[in-house]
Amino acid sequence: MYNREYTPERISELKENEIFVFGSNLAGMHGGGAAWIAYERFGAIMGQGVGLQGQSYAIPTMQGGVETIKPYVDEFIEFAHQHQEYKFLVTKIGCGIAGFRNEEIAPLFGNAIDLENVILPKEFVDWIQSHPTAE
C-alpha cells in the first residue's frame, strides 16, 4: 500500500539526497519539458540519455512504444532498490512531449509501489492501486 507523499507537479529544488527522475530520449538531447529542467537545474548531462547524472535520473521514453520503455523503468527500479540512500521523485515520464497517457506508463511502475524511496505521481499511484493484478 502506498501511504506516502506524491511527486509534486512542479519541482524547482531538491534536497541533497533527492533525485529528479525524468523522461528523456536516447540521444540525451534534453531540450524540453522535464528533461530541460533536469539539465538546467539538476545536473543532467547533454548527450546522456539513460541513468543517473547529477541529481537526476533519465529514463528514455521517445524511442518507440511502451514496450521499449519498460526495460529502462525496470532498470531504474532495480537501481532505486539498490540505492536506498536516495529518494527518487518520479515525474510523469512519457506523459508530456513523448505523448503517452498516464494509464500507459503507470503500470510500468507497479514494482516500485512498495519501494519507500520511490515517490510516484498521484496519477500513477491511483492507476496502480485500482489495477492490482496489472504490471
Protein backbone atom coordinates (compact mmCIF):
# COMPACT_ATOMS: atom_id res chain seq x y z
CA MET A 1 0.00 0.00 0.00
CA TYR A 2 1.32 3.42 -0.97
CA ASN A 3 0.99 5.64 2.08
CA ARG A 4 3.46 8.44 1.49
CA GLU A 5 3.77 11.65 -0.47
CA TYR A 6 3.32 12.01 -4.21
CA THR A 7 5.70 13.64 -6.65
CA PRO A 8 4.91 17.37 -6.74
CA GLU A 9 3.62 18.79 -10.04
CA ARG A 10 6.50 21.27 -10.12
CA ILE A 11 9.94 20.57 -8.73
CA SER A 12 12.25 23.57 -8.58
CA GLU A 13 14.70 22.43 -5.93
CA LEU A 14 15.92 19.21 -4.39
CA LYS A 15 17.32 18.20 -1.02
CA GLU A 16 20.80 16.70 -1.03
CA ASN A 17 19.60 13.07 -1.19
CA GLU A 18 16.78 13.63 -3.71
CA ILE A 19 16.92 12.56 -7.37
CA PHE A 20 14.72 14.02 -10.13
CA VAL A 21 13.54 11.14 -12.38
CA PHE A 22 12.59 12.33 -15.85
CA GLY A 23 11.75 11.09 -19.33
CA SER A 24 14.50 11.56 -21.88
CA ASN A 25 15.47 10.50 -25.37
CA LEU A 26 18.24 8.00 -26.06
CA ALA A 27 20.49 10.71 -27.51
CA GLY A 28 20.28 12.69 -24.27
CA MET A 29 19.19 15.88 -26.03
CA HIS A 30 17.49 17.45 -23.01
CA GLY A 31 15.76 20.22 -24.92
CA GLY A 32 12.27 20.44 -23.43
CA GLY A 33 9.89 19.57 -20.64
CA ALA A 34 11.23 17.79 -17.56
CA ALA A 35 14.42 16.91 -19.43
CA TRP A 36 15.26 20.59 -19.80
CA ILE A 37 14.60 21.16 -16.09
CA ALA A 38 16.86 18.19 -15.29
CA TYR A 39 19.59 19.71 -17.45
CA GLU A 40 19.18 23.29 -16.24
CA ARG A 41 18.78 22.59 -12.52
CA PHE A 42 19.67 19.03 -11.55
CA GLY A 43 22.83 18.03 -13.38
CA ALA A 44 21.51 16.07 -16.36
CA ILE A 45 24.30 15.71 -18.93
CA MET A 46 23.63 16.66 -22.54
CA GLY A 47 24.30 13.56 -24.63
CA GLN A 48 23.50 11.08 -21.81
CA GLY A 49 20.00 9.66 -22.25
CA VAL A 50 19.95 6.94 -19.60
CA GLY A 51 20.62 6.66 -15.89
CA LEU A 52 21.96 8.72 -13.01
CA GLN A 53 23.52 12.07 -13.82
CA GLY A 54 23.96 14.70 -11.15
CA GLN A 55 20.77 14.81 -9.10
CA SER A 56 18.72 13.39 -11.93
CA TYR A 57 17.95 10.00 -13.45
CA ALA A 58 16.98 9.68 -17.13
CA ILE A 59 14.51 7.09 -18.41
CA PRO A 60 14.23 7.09 -22.24
CA THR A 61 10.65 7.48 -23.48
CA MET A 62 10.99 8.71 -27.08
CA GLN A 63 12.24 5.60 -28.91
CA GLY A 64 9.01 3.74 -29.62
CA GLY A 65 6.06 2.22 -27.78
CA VAL A 66 5.58 1.46 -24.11
CA GLU A 67 7.30 -1.91 -24.55
CA THR A 68 10.54 -0.05 -25.37
CA ILE A 69 10.29 1.99 -22.15
CA LYS A 70 9.69 -0.94 -19.79
CA PRO A 71 13.30 -2.27 -19.71
CA TYR A 72 14.54 1.18 -18.72
CA VAL A 73 11.90 1.51 -15.98
CA ASP A 74 12.84 -1.98 -14.71
CA GLU A 75 16.49 -0.91 -14.65
CA PHE A 76 15.54 2.24 -12.72
CA ILE A 77 13.50 0.26 -10.17
CA GLU A 78 16.45 -2.08 -9.58
CA PHE A 79 18.77 0.93 -9.22
CA ALA A 80 16.41 2.56 -6.70
CA HIS A 81 16.18 -0.71 -4.76
CA GLN A 82 19.98 -0.86 -4.56
CA HIS A 83 20.31 2.82 -3.56
CA GLN A 84 18.13 3.32 -0.51
CA GLU A 85 20.25 6.36 0.42
CA TYR A 86 18.42 8.34 -2.29
CA LYS A 87 14.82 9.49 -2.54
CA PHE A 88 13.67 9.32 -6.18
CA LEU A 89 11.00 11.79 -7.29
CA VAL A 90 9.47 10.25 -10.41
CA THR A 91 7.87 12.76 -12.78
CA LYS A 92 5.09 11.71 -15.16
CA ILE A 93 7.70 10.33 -17.56
CA GLY A 94 6.48 9.90 -21.11
CA CYS A 95 3.25 11.80 -20.47
CA GLY A 96 4.40 15.14 -21.85
CA ILE A 97 6.37 15.56 -25.06
CA ALA A 98 6.52 11.77 -25.67
CA GLY A 99 2.71 11.73 -25.83
CA PHE A 100 1.81 8.70 -23.69
CA ARG A 101 -1.12 8.63 -21.28
CA ASN A 102 -0.81 8.06 -17.53
CA GLU A 103 -2.56 4.70 -17.85
CA GLU A 104 0.04 3.54 -20.38
CA ILE A 105 3.07 4.45 -18.24
CA ALA A 106 1.75 3.88 -14.71
CA PRO A 107 1.71 0.05 -14.98
CA LEU A 108 5.45 0.07 -15.67
CA PHE A 109 5.98 1.33 -12.10
CA GLY A 110 3.93 -1.41 -10.42
CA ASN A 111 7.08 -2.96 -8.93
CA ALA A 112 8.08 0.41 -7.44
CA ILE A 113 4.90 0.92 -5.43
CA ASP A 114 6.38 -0.73 -2.32
CA LEU A 115 9.80 0.93 -2.52
CA GLU A 116 9.77 3.56 0.23
CA ASN A 117 12.44 5.65 -1.53
CA VAL A 118 10.49 5.97 -4.80
CA ILE A 119 7.94 8.78 -4.83
CA LEU A 120 5.41 8.48 -7.66
CA PRO A 121 2.92 10.88 -9.25
CA LYS A 122 -0.57 10.58 -7.76
CA GLU A 123 -1.98 9.63 -11.18
CA PHE A 124 0.41 6.64 -11.39
CA VAL A 125 -0.37 5.50 -7.84
CA ASP A 126 -4.13 5.78 -8.40
CA TRP A 127 -3.90 3.68 -11.55
CA ILE A 128 -1.66 1.03 -9.98
CA GLN A 129 -3.87 0.71 -6.90
CA SER A 130 -7.04 0.42 -8.99
CA HIS A 131 -5.49 -2.34 -11.15
CA PRO A 132 -3.80 -4.61 -8.57
CA THR A 133 -3.09 -7.50 -10.92
CA ALA A 134 -1.70 -5.38 -13.73
CA GLU A 135 2.01 -4.71 -14.20
